């Protein structure tokens, strides 16, 4: 038996033990999930192959570098998925320099303008609403990290938001949420940093989007002309 398996087994045993001792006021199964996604019914009819990621905005009270962190994670995870063509971040930054500064008011219109400038089928844009770092160490945090952000994919030519995702997570101890044993064991019973929570949220969002999109090239049908023999005229004459 490997050391890693032993540690995982002990962690799981501790988790179950804590669950048995958890107070009666723990959340019940069926609480709102950390990630919520929605898409229009016509998403499969719109081909989206070339996608640009617009740098996310930071909401009120959110550190400026938080949006940069989530944006970088979003770009990195989208590069790992096959099927779409991701516009290089250098091209995105170059195009944005020619547009008005992006704000909450012109976020969608700037996303469309960006998409046209880089010849993208769709543009992902959004905002980081909450980004709070944990206070304390891996196994002794006095305040947990919390992250919330939203993402939207807009079809550039149609001007329609095809897909949206809303992520909101604050890590909880097992005694606060006894039904979160899986994540408790997965994270080795330690308190996560904010960027780790953001990474988990982006991973779920990117996988959701990848499963929804139609990235196939439209089928091209060729009509074959009837065969004409160079001897056909002579045959007909005879």
C-alpha atoms as a PDB file:
ATOM      1  CA  UNK A   1       0.000   0.000   0.000  1.00  0.00           C
ATOM      2  CA  UNK A   2       1.515   3.342  -1.058  1.00  0.00           C
ATOM      3  CA  UNK A   3       2.018   6.226   1.345  1.00  0.00           C
ATOM      4  CA  UNK A   4      -0.233   8.434  -0.774  1.00  0.00           C
ATOM      5  CA  UNK A   5      -3.078   5.906  -0.640  1.00  0.00           C
ATOM      6  CA  UNK A   6      -2.650   5.585   3.121  1.00  0.00           C
ATOM      7  CA  UNK A   7      -2.836   9.358   3.592  1.00  0.00           C
ATOM      8  CA  UNK A   8      -5.912   9.587   1.370  1.00  0.00           C
ATOM      9  CA  UNK A   9      -7.597   6.724   3.218  1.00  0.00           C
ATOM     10  CA  UNK A  10      -6.853   8.289   6.584  1.00  0.00           C
ATOM     11  CA  UNK A  11      -8.137  11.643   5.361  1.00  0.00           C
ATOM     12  CA  UNK A  12     -11.347  10.030   4.148  1.00  0.00           C
ATOM     13  CA  UNK A  13     -11.741   8.208   7.463  1.00  0.00           C
ATOM     14  CA  UNK A  14     -11.274  11.474   9.334  1.00  0.00           C
ATOM     15  CA  UNK A  15     -13.815  13.111   7.044  1.00  0.00           C
ATOM     16  CA  UNK A  16     -16.390  10.442   7.761  1.00  0.00           C
ATOM     17  CA  UNK A  17     -15.638  10.676  11.449  1.00  0.00           C
ATOM     18  CA  UNK A  18     -16.156  14.415  11.435  1.00  0.00           C
ATOM     19  CA  UNK A  19     -19.355  13.957   9.447  1.00  0.00           C
ATOM     20  CA  UNK A  20     -20.720  11.675  12.154  1.00  0.00           C
ATOM     21  CA  UNK A  21     -19.998  14.332  14.749  1.00  0.00           C
ATOM     22  CA  UNK A  22     -21.258  17.241  12.664  1.00  0.00           C
ATOM     23  CA  UNK A  23     -23.899  19.460  14.269  1.00  0.00           C
ATOM     24  CA  UNK A  24     -27.535  19.211  13.279  1.00  0.00           C
ATOM     25  CA  UNK A  25     -27.515  22.577  11.495  1.00  0.00           C
ATOM     26  CA  UNK A  26     -25.259  21.492   8.605  1.00  0.00           C
ATOM     27  CA  UNK A  27     -26.577  22.347   5.093  1.00  0.00           C
ATOM     28  CA  UNK A  28     -28.836  19.772   3.490  1.00  0.00           C
ATOM     29  CA  UNK A  29     -28.291  18.046   0.144  1.00  0.00           C
ATOM     30  CA  UNK A  30     -29.564  20.119  -2.750  1.00  0.00           C
ATOM     31  CA  UNK A  31     -28.042  23.468  -1.817  1.00  0.00           C
ATOM     32  CA  UNK A  32     -27.266  25.837  -4.696  1.00  0.00           C
ATOM     33  CA  UNK A  33     -24.178  24.576  -6.578  1.00  0.00           C
ATOM     34  CA  UNK A  34     -21.062  26.719  -6.914  1.00  0.00           C
ATOM     35  CA  UNK A  35     -21.437  26.898 -10.697  1.00  0.00           C
ATOM     36  CA  UNK A  36     -24.555  27.702 -12.667  1.00  0.00           C
ATOM     37  CA  UNK A  37     -24.572  27.750 -16.461  1.00  0.00           C
ATOM     38  CA  UNK A  38     -27.203  28.465 -19.060  1.00  0.00           C
ATOM     39  CA  UNK A  39     -27.291  28.598 -22.842  1.00  0.00           C
ATOM     40  CA  UNK A  40     -29.775  29.500 -25.537  1.00  0.00           C
ATOM     41  CA  UNK A  41     -31.538  26.641 -27.272  1.00  0.00           C
ATOM     42  CA  UNK A  42     -30.066  27.688 -30.626  1.00  0.00           C
ATOM     43  CA  UNK A  43     -26.445  27.370 -29.472  1.00  0.00           C
ATOM     44  CA  UNK A  44     -25.899  24.201 -31.535  1.00  0.00           C
ATOM     45  CA  UNK A  45     -27.050  25.938 -34.716  1.00  0.00           C
ATOM     46  CA  UNK A  46     -24.420  28.688 -34.525  1.00  0.00           C
ATOM     47  CA  UNK A  47     -20.894  27.679 -35.491  1.00  0.00           C
ATOM     48  CA  UNK A  48     -18.325  29.112 -33.078  1.00  0.00           C
ATOM     49  CA  UNK A  49     -14.787  28.074 -33.910  1.00  0.00           C
ATOM     50  CA  UNK A  50     -12.532  31.117 -33.464  1.00  0.00           C
ATOM     51  CA  UNK A  51     -12.886  32.559 -29.957  1.00  0.00           C
ATOM     52  CA  UNK A  52     -11.335  35.589 -28.283  1.00  0.00           C
ATOM     53  CA  UNK A  53     -11.079  36.039 -24.517  1.00  0.00           C
ATOM     54  CA  UNK A  54     -11.540  39.644 -23.448  1.00  0.00           C
ATOM     55  CA  UNK A  55      -9.749  40.539 -20.186  1.00  0.00           C
ATOM     56  CA  UNK A  56     -12.256  40.326 -17.350  1.00  0.00           C
ATOM     57  CA  UNK A  57     -13.251  43.419 -15.382  1.00  0.00           C
ATOM     58  CA  UNK A  58     -12.887  43.735 -11.607  1.00  0.00           C
ATOM     59  CA  UNK A  59     -16.052  44.602  -9.727  1.00  0.00           C
ATOM     60  CA  UNK A  60     -16.273  47.078  -6.830  1.00  0.00           C
ATOM     61  CA  UNK A  61     -13.926  46.177  -3.995  1.00  0.00           C
ATOM     62  CA  UNK A  62     -12.127  43.521  -6.046  1.00  0.00           C
ATOM     63  CA  UNK A  63      -8.332  43.864  -6.419  1.00  0.00           C
ATOM     64  CA  UNK A  64      -7.295  44.826  -9.958  1.00  0.00           C
ATOM     65  CA  UNK A  65      -4.927  41.880 -10.264  1.00  0.00           C
ATOM     66  CA  UNK A  66      -7.766  39.458  -9.470  1.00  0.00           C
ATOM     67  CA  UNK A  67      -9.275  39.965 -12.928  1.00  0.00           C
ATOM     68  CA  UNK A  68      -5.841  39.397 -14.484  1.00  0.00           C
ATOM     69  CA  UNK A  69      -5.486  36.139 -12.522  1.00  0.00           C
ATOM     70  CA  UNK A  70      -8.854  34.739 -13.617  1.00  0.00           C
ATOM     71  CA  UNK A  71      -8.340  35.898 -17.219  1.00  0.00           C
ATOM     72  CA  UNK A  72      -4.946  34.184 -17.418  1.00  0.00           C
ATOM     73  CA  UNK A  73      -6.423  30.980 -16.006  1.00  0.00           C
ATOM     74  CA  UNK A  74      -9.291  31.141 -18.504  1.00  0.00           C
ATOM     75  CA  UNK A  75      -6.919  31.557 -21.442  1.00  0.00           C
ATOM     76  CA  UNK A  76      -4.649  28.758 -20.204  1.00  0.00           C
ATOM     77  CA  UNK A  77      -7.462  26.250 -19.779  1.00  0.00           C
ATOM     78  CA  UNK A  78      -9.052  27.117 -23.115  1.00  0.00           C
ATOM     79  CA  UNK A  79      -5.717  26.402 -24.836  1.00  0.00           C
ATOM     80  CA  UNK A  80      -5.900  22.852 -23.487  1.00  0.00           C
ATOM     81  CA  UNK A  81      -9.232  22.138 -25.157  1.00  0.00           C
ATOM     82  CA  UNK A  82      -9.295  20.956 -28.753  1.00  0.00           C
ATOM     83  CA  UNK A  83     -11.881  21.980 -31.305  1.00  0.00           C
ATOM     84  CA  UNK A  84     -11.703  25.756 -31.217  1.00  0.00           C
ATOM     85  CA  UNK A  85      -9.180  28.322 -32.393  1.00  0.00           C
ATOM     86  CA  UNK A  86      -8.204  30.651 -29.551  1.00  0.00           C
ATOM     87  CA  UNK A  87      -7.198  34.169 -30.591  1.00  0.00           C
ATOM     88  CA  UNK A  88      -3.711  34.934 -29.184  1.00  0.00           C
ATOM     89  CA  UNK A  89      -3.801  37.287 -26.194  1.00  0.00           C
ATOM     90  CA  UNK A  90      -1.300  39.590 -27.966  1.00  0.00           C
ATOM     91  CA  UNK A  91      -3.796  40.119 -30.804  1.00  0.00           C
ATOM     92  CA  UNK A  92      -6.583  40.760 -28.304  1.00  0.00           C
ATOM     93  CA  UNK A  93      -4.557  43.390 -26.439  1.00  0.00           C
ATOM     94  CA  UNK A  94      -3.562  45.068 -29.694  1.00  0.00           C
ATOM     95  CA  UNK A  95      -7.185  45.287 -30.853  1.00  0.00           C
ATOM     96  CA  UNK A  96      -8.394  46.610 -27.480  1.00  0.00           C
ATOM     97  CA  UNK A  97      -5.939  49.497 -27.649  1.00  0.00           C
ATOM     98  CA  UNK A  98      -7.896  50.819 -30.622  1.00  0.00           C
ATOM     99  CA  UNK A  99     -11.234  50.625 -28.777  1.00  0.00           C
ATOM    100  CA  UNK A 100     -12.659  52.836 -26.017  1.00  0.00           C
ATOM    101  CA  UNK A 101     -11.691  51.732 -22.485  1.00  0.00           C
ATOM    102  CA  UNK A 102     -13.902  48.827 -21.425  1.00  0.00           C
ATOM    103  CA  UNK A 103     -16.347  49.549 -18.605  1.00  0.00           C
ATOM    104  CA  UNK A 104     -19.384  47.832 -17.149  1.00  0.00           C
ATOM    105  CA  UNK A 105     -21.585  49.924 -19.452  1.00  0.00           C
ATOM    106  CA  UNK A 106     -19.905  49.136 -22.765  1.00  0.00           C
ATOM    107  CA  UNK A 107     -18.714  45.624 -21.918  1.00  0.00           C
ATOM    108  CA  UNK A 108     -20.951  43.834 -24.422  1.00  0.00           C
ATOM    109  CA  UNK A 109     -20.523  46.331 -27.254  1.00  0.00           C
ATOM    110  CA  UNK A 110     -16.755  46.300 -26.815  1.00  0.00           C
ATOM    111  CA  UNK A 111     -16.820  42.504 -26.901  1.00  0.00           C
ATOM    112  CA  UNK A 112     -18.558  42.586 -30.290  1.00  0.00           C
ATOM    113  CA  UNK A 113     -16.161  45.239 -31.596  1.00  0.00           C
ATOM    114  CA  UNK A 114     -13.208  43.158 -30.405  1.00  0.00           C
ATOM    115  CA  UNK A 115     -14.593  40.065 -32.115  1.00  0.00           C
ATOM    116  CA  UNK A 116     -14.911  41.884 -35.432  1.00  0.00           C
ATOM    117  CA  UNK A 117     -11.403  43.322 -35.111  1.00  0.00           C
ATOM    118  CA  UNK A 118      -9.796  39.885 -34.643  1.00  0.00           C
ATOM    119  CA  UNK A 119     -12.189  37.994 -36.964  1.00  0.00           C
ATOM    120  CA  UNK A 120     -13.589  35.881 -34.140  1.00  0.00           C
ATOM    121  CA  UNK A 121     -16.871  33.972 -34.204  1.00  0.00           C
ATOM    122  CA  UNK A 122     -17.371  34.524 -30.491  1.00  0.00           C
ATOM    123  CA  UNK A 123     -15.946  36.520 -27.594  1.00  0.00           C
ATOM    124  CA  UNK A 124     -15.887  35.593 -23.921  1.00  0.00           C
ATOM    125  CA  UNK A 125     -16.231  38.501 -21.514  1.00  0.00           C
ATOM    126  CA  UNK A 126     -17.195  38.887 -17.870  1.00  0.00           C
ATOM    127  CA  UNK A 127     -16.468  40.272 -14.427  1.00  0.00           C
ATOM    128  CA  UNK A 128     -14.808  39.135 -11.230  1.00  0.00           C
ATOM    129  CA  UNK A 129     -17.353  39.976  -8.560  1.00  0.00           C
ATOM    130  CA  UNK A 130     -15.550  38.686  -5.481  1.00  0.00           C
ATOM    131  CA  UNK A 131     -11.954  37.690  -4.803  1.00  0.00           C
ATOM    132  CA  UNK A 132     -11.004  37.324  -1.165  1.00  0.00           C
ATOM    133  CA  UNK A 133      -7.785  35.666  -0.118  1.00  0.00           C
ATOM    134  CA  UNK A 134      -7.703  33.288   2.824  1.00  0.00           C
ATOM    135  CA  UNK A 135      -6.270  34.437   6.130  1.00  0.00           C
ATOM    136  CA  UNK A 136      -3.986  31.851   7.697  1.00  0.00           C
ATOM    137  CA  UNK A 137      -2.089  28.754   6.625  1.00  0.00           C
ATOM    138  CA  UNK A 138      -2.978  25.580   4.700  1.00  0.00           C
ATOM    139  CA  UNK A 139      -4.349  23.768   7.744  1.00  0.00           C
ATOM    140  CA  UNK A 140      -5.118  26.676  10.068  1.00  0.00           C
ATOM    141  CA  UNK A 141      -7.016  29.416   8.264  1.00  0.00           C
ATOM    142  CA  UNK A 142      -8.967  31.916  10.325  1.00  0.00           C
ATOM    143  CA  UNK A 143     -10.879  33.132   7.250  1.00  0.00           C
ATOM    144  CA  UNK A 144     -11.456  31.105   4.040  1.00  0.00           C
ATOM    145  CA  UNK A 145     -10.852  32.286   0.487  1.00  0.00           C
ATOM    146  CA  UNK A 146     -13.843  33.192  -1.660  1.00  0.00           C
ATOM    147  CA  UNK A 147     -14.183  33.775  -5.404  1.00  0.00           C
ATOM    148  CA  UNK A 148     -17.099  34.783  -7.605  1.00  0.00           C
ATOM    149  CA  UNK A 149     -17.135  35.619 -11.303  1.00  0.00           C
ATOM    150  CA  UNK A 150     -19.394  35.515 -14.323  1.00  0.00           C
ATOM    151  CA  UNK A 151     -18.602  34.692 -17.943  1.00  0.00           C
ATOM    152  CA  UNK A 152     -20.543  35.208 -21.158  1.00  0.00           C
ATOM    153  CA  UNK A 153     -19.965  34.052 -24.730  1.00  0.00           C
ATOM    154  CA  UNK A 154     -21.423  36.316 -27.385  1.00  0.00           C
ATOM    155  CA  UNK A 155     -21.785  35.389 -31.063  1.00  0.00           C
ATOM    156  CA  UNK A 156     -20.157  38.289 -32.897  1.00  0.00           C
ATOM    157  CA  UNK A 157     -22.204  38.250 -36.114  1.00  0.00           C
ATOM    158  CA  UNK A 158     -25.552  37.629 -34.425  1.00  0.00           C
ATOM    159  CA  UNK A 159     -24.906  39.831 -31.369  1.00  0.00           C
ATOM    160  CA  UNK A 160     -26.514  37.171 -29.156  1.00  0.00           C
ATOM    161  CA  UNK A 161     -25.196  35.833 -25.843  1.00  0.00           C
ATOM    162  CA  UNK A 162     -25.105  32.090 -26.436  1.00  0.00           C
ATOM    163  CA  UNK A 163     -23.829  30.910 -23.042  1.00  0.00           C
ATOM    164  CA  UNK A 164     -23.316  32.259 -19.536  1.00  0.00           C
ATOM    165  CA  UNK A 165     -21.734  30.927 -16.359  1.00  0.00           C
ATOM    166  CA  UNK A 166     -21.929  32.163 -12.779  1.00  0.00           C
ATOM    167  CA  UNK A 167     -19.404  30.874 -10.240  1.00  0.00           C
ATOM    168  CA  UNK A 168     -19.520  31.680  -6.523  1.00  0.00           C
ATOM    169  CA  UNK A 169     -17.600  29.675  -3.966  1.00  0.00           C
ATOM    170  CA  UNK A 170     -16.337  30.148  -0.440  1.00  0.00           C
ATOM    171  CA  UNK A 171     -14.509  27.146   0.951  1.00  0.00           C
ATOM    172  CA  UNK A 172     -16.198  25.563   3.941  1.00  0.00           C
ATOM    173  CA  UNK A 173     -14.978  23.240   6.620  1.00  0.00           C
ATOM    174  CA  UNK A 174     -16.478  19.768   6.788  1.00  0.00           C
ATOM    175  CA  UNK A 175     -18.405  20.658   9.928  1.00  0.00           C
ATOM    176  CA  UNK A 176     -19.982  23.560   8.007  1.00  0.00           C
ATOM    177  CA  UNK A 177     -20.941  21.366   5.053  1.00  0.00           C
ATOM    178  CA  UNK A 178     -20.855  17.641   5.826  1.00  0.00           C
ATOM    179  CA  UNK A 179     -21.969  16.765   2.299  1.00  0.00           C
ATOM    180  CA  UNK A 180     -18.806  18.207   0.734  1.00  0.00           C
ATOM    181  CA  UNK A 181     -16.679  15.194   1.697  1.00  0.00           C
ATOM    182  CA  UNK A 182     -15.438  14.670  -1.875  1.00  0.00           C
ATOM    183  CA  UNK A 183     -13.833  18.117  -2.104  1.00  0.00           C
ATOM    184  CA  UNK A 184     -12.618  17.806   1.484  1.00  0.00           C
ATOM    185  CA  UNK A 185     -10.637  14.693   0.571  1.00  0.00           C
ATOM    186  CA  UNK A 186      -9.625  15.984  -2.875  1.00  0.00           C
ATOM    187  CA  UNK A 187      -8.066  19.091  -1.331  1.00  0.00           C
ATOM    188  CA  UNK A 188      -6.321  16.958   1.341  1.00  0.00           C
ATOM    189  CA  UNK A 189      -8.259  18.711   4.094  1.00  0.00           C
ATOM    190  CA  UNK A 190      -6.417  21.993   3.563  1.00  0.00           C
ATOM    191  CA  UNK A 191      -7.635  25.529   3.037  1.00  0.00           C
ATOM    192  CA  UNK A 192      -7.225  26.680  -0.561  1.00  0.00           C
ATOM    193  CA  UNK A 193      -5.834  29.924  -1.892  1.00  0.00           C
ATOM    194  CA  UNK A 194      -8.144  32.179  -3.901  1.00  0.00           C
ATOM    195  CA  UNK A 195      -6.373  31.383  -7.179  1.00  0.00           C
ATOM    196  CA  UNK A 196      -6.939  27.643  -6.576  1.00  0.00           C
ATOM    197  CA  UNK A 197     -10.668  28.190  -6.121  1.00  0.00           C
ATOM    198  CA  UNK A 198     -10.723  30.336  -9.269  1.00  0.00           C
ATOM    199  CA  UNK A 199      -8.902  27.570 -11.124  1.00  0.00           C
ATOM    200  CA  UNK A 200     -11.567  25.051 -10.142  1.00  0.00           C
ATOM    201  CA  UNK A 201     -14.339  27.379 -11.266  1.00  0.00           C
ATOM    202  CA  UNK A 202     -12.724  28.126 -14.619  1.00  0.00           C
ATOM    203  CA  UNK A 203     -12.157  24.410 -15.242  1.00  0.00           C
ATOM    204  CA  UNK A 204     -15.856  23.627 -14.786  1.00  0.00           C
ATOM    205  CA  UNK A 205     -16.887  26.609 -16.921  1.00  0.00           C
ATOM    206  CA  UNK A 206     -14.569  25.780 -19.833  1.00  0.00           C
ATOM    207  CA  UNK A 207     -15.682  22.153 -19.877  1.00  0.00           C
ATOM    208  CA  UNK A 208     -19.316  23.238 -19.845  1.00  0.00           C
ATOM    209  CA  UNK A 209     -18.772  25.606 -22.759  1.00  0.00           C
ATOM    210  CA  UNK A 210     -16.820  23.037 -24.763  1.00  0.00           C
ATOM    211  CA  UNK A 211     -19.668  20.552 -24.461  1.00  0.00           C
ATOM    212  CA  UNK A 212     -22.254  23.070 -25.609  1.00  0.00           C
ATOM    213  CA  UNK A 213     -20.681  24.591 -28.692  1.00  0.00           C
ATOM    214  CA  UNK A 214     -21.025  23.637 -32.324  1.00  0.00           C
ATOM    215  CA  UNK A 215     -17.452  23.789 -33.617  1.00  0.00           C
ATOM    216  CA  UNK A 216     -17.959  21.694 -36.735  1.00  0.00           C
ATOM    217  CA  UNK A 217     -17.319  23.051 -40.206  1.00  0.00           C
ATOM    218  CA  UNK A 218     -20.505  23.156 -42.277  1.00  0.00           C
ATOM    219  CA  UNK A 219     -20.683  20.203 -44.628  1.00  0.00           C
ATOM    220  CA  UNK A 220     -19.754  20.985 -48.221  1.00  0.00           C
ATOM    221  CA  UNK A 221     -21.610  19.025 -50.875  1.00  0.00           C
ATOM    222  CA  UNK A 222     -20.105  18.754 -54.348  1.00  0.00           C
ATOM    223  CA  UNK A 223     -22.283  18.010 -57.357  1.00  0.00           C
ATOM    224  CA  UNK A 224     -20.537  15.715 -59.803  1.00  0.00           C
ATOM    225  CA  UNK A 225     -21.173  16.585 -63.420  1.00  0.00           C
ATOM    226  CA  UNK A 226     -22.436  13.764 -65.679  1.00  0.00           C
ATOM    227  CA  UNK A 227     -19.639  11.893 -67.432  1.00  0.00           C
ATOM    228  CA  UNK A 228     -19.178  12.929 -71.027  1.00  0.00           C
ATOM    229  CA  UNK A 229     -17.139  10.721 -73.345  1.00  0.00           C
ATOM    230  CA  UNK A 230     -15.184  12.406 -76.102  1.00  0.00           C
ATOM    231  CA  UNK A 231     -16.499   9.677 -78.399  1.00  0.00           C
ATOM    232  CA  UNK A 232     -20.164  10.210 -77.527  1.00  0.00           C
ATOM    233  CA  UNK A 233     -20.880  12.432 -80.535  1.00  0.00           C
ATOM    234  CA  UNK A 234     -19.469   9.887 -82.948  1.00  0.00           C
ATOM    235  CA  UNK A 235     -21.443   7.088 -81.344  1.00  0.00           C
ATOM    236  CA  UNK A 236     -24.670   9.010 -81.590  1.00  0.00           C
ATOM    237  CA  UNK A 237     -24.075   9.722 -85.257  1.00  0.00           C
ATOM    238  CA  UNK A 238     -23.673   6.028 -85.946  1.00  0.00           C
END
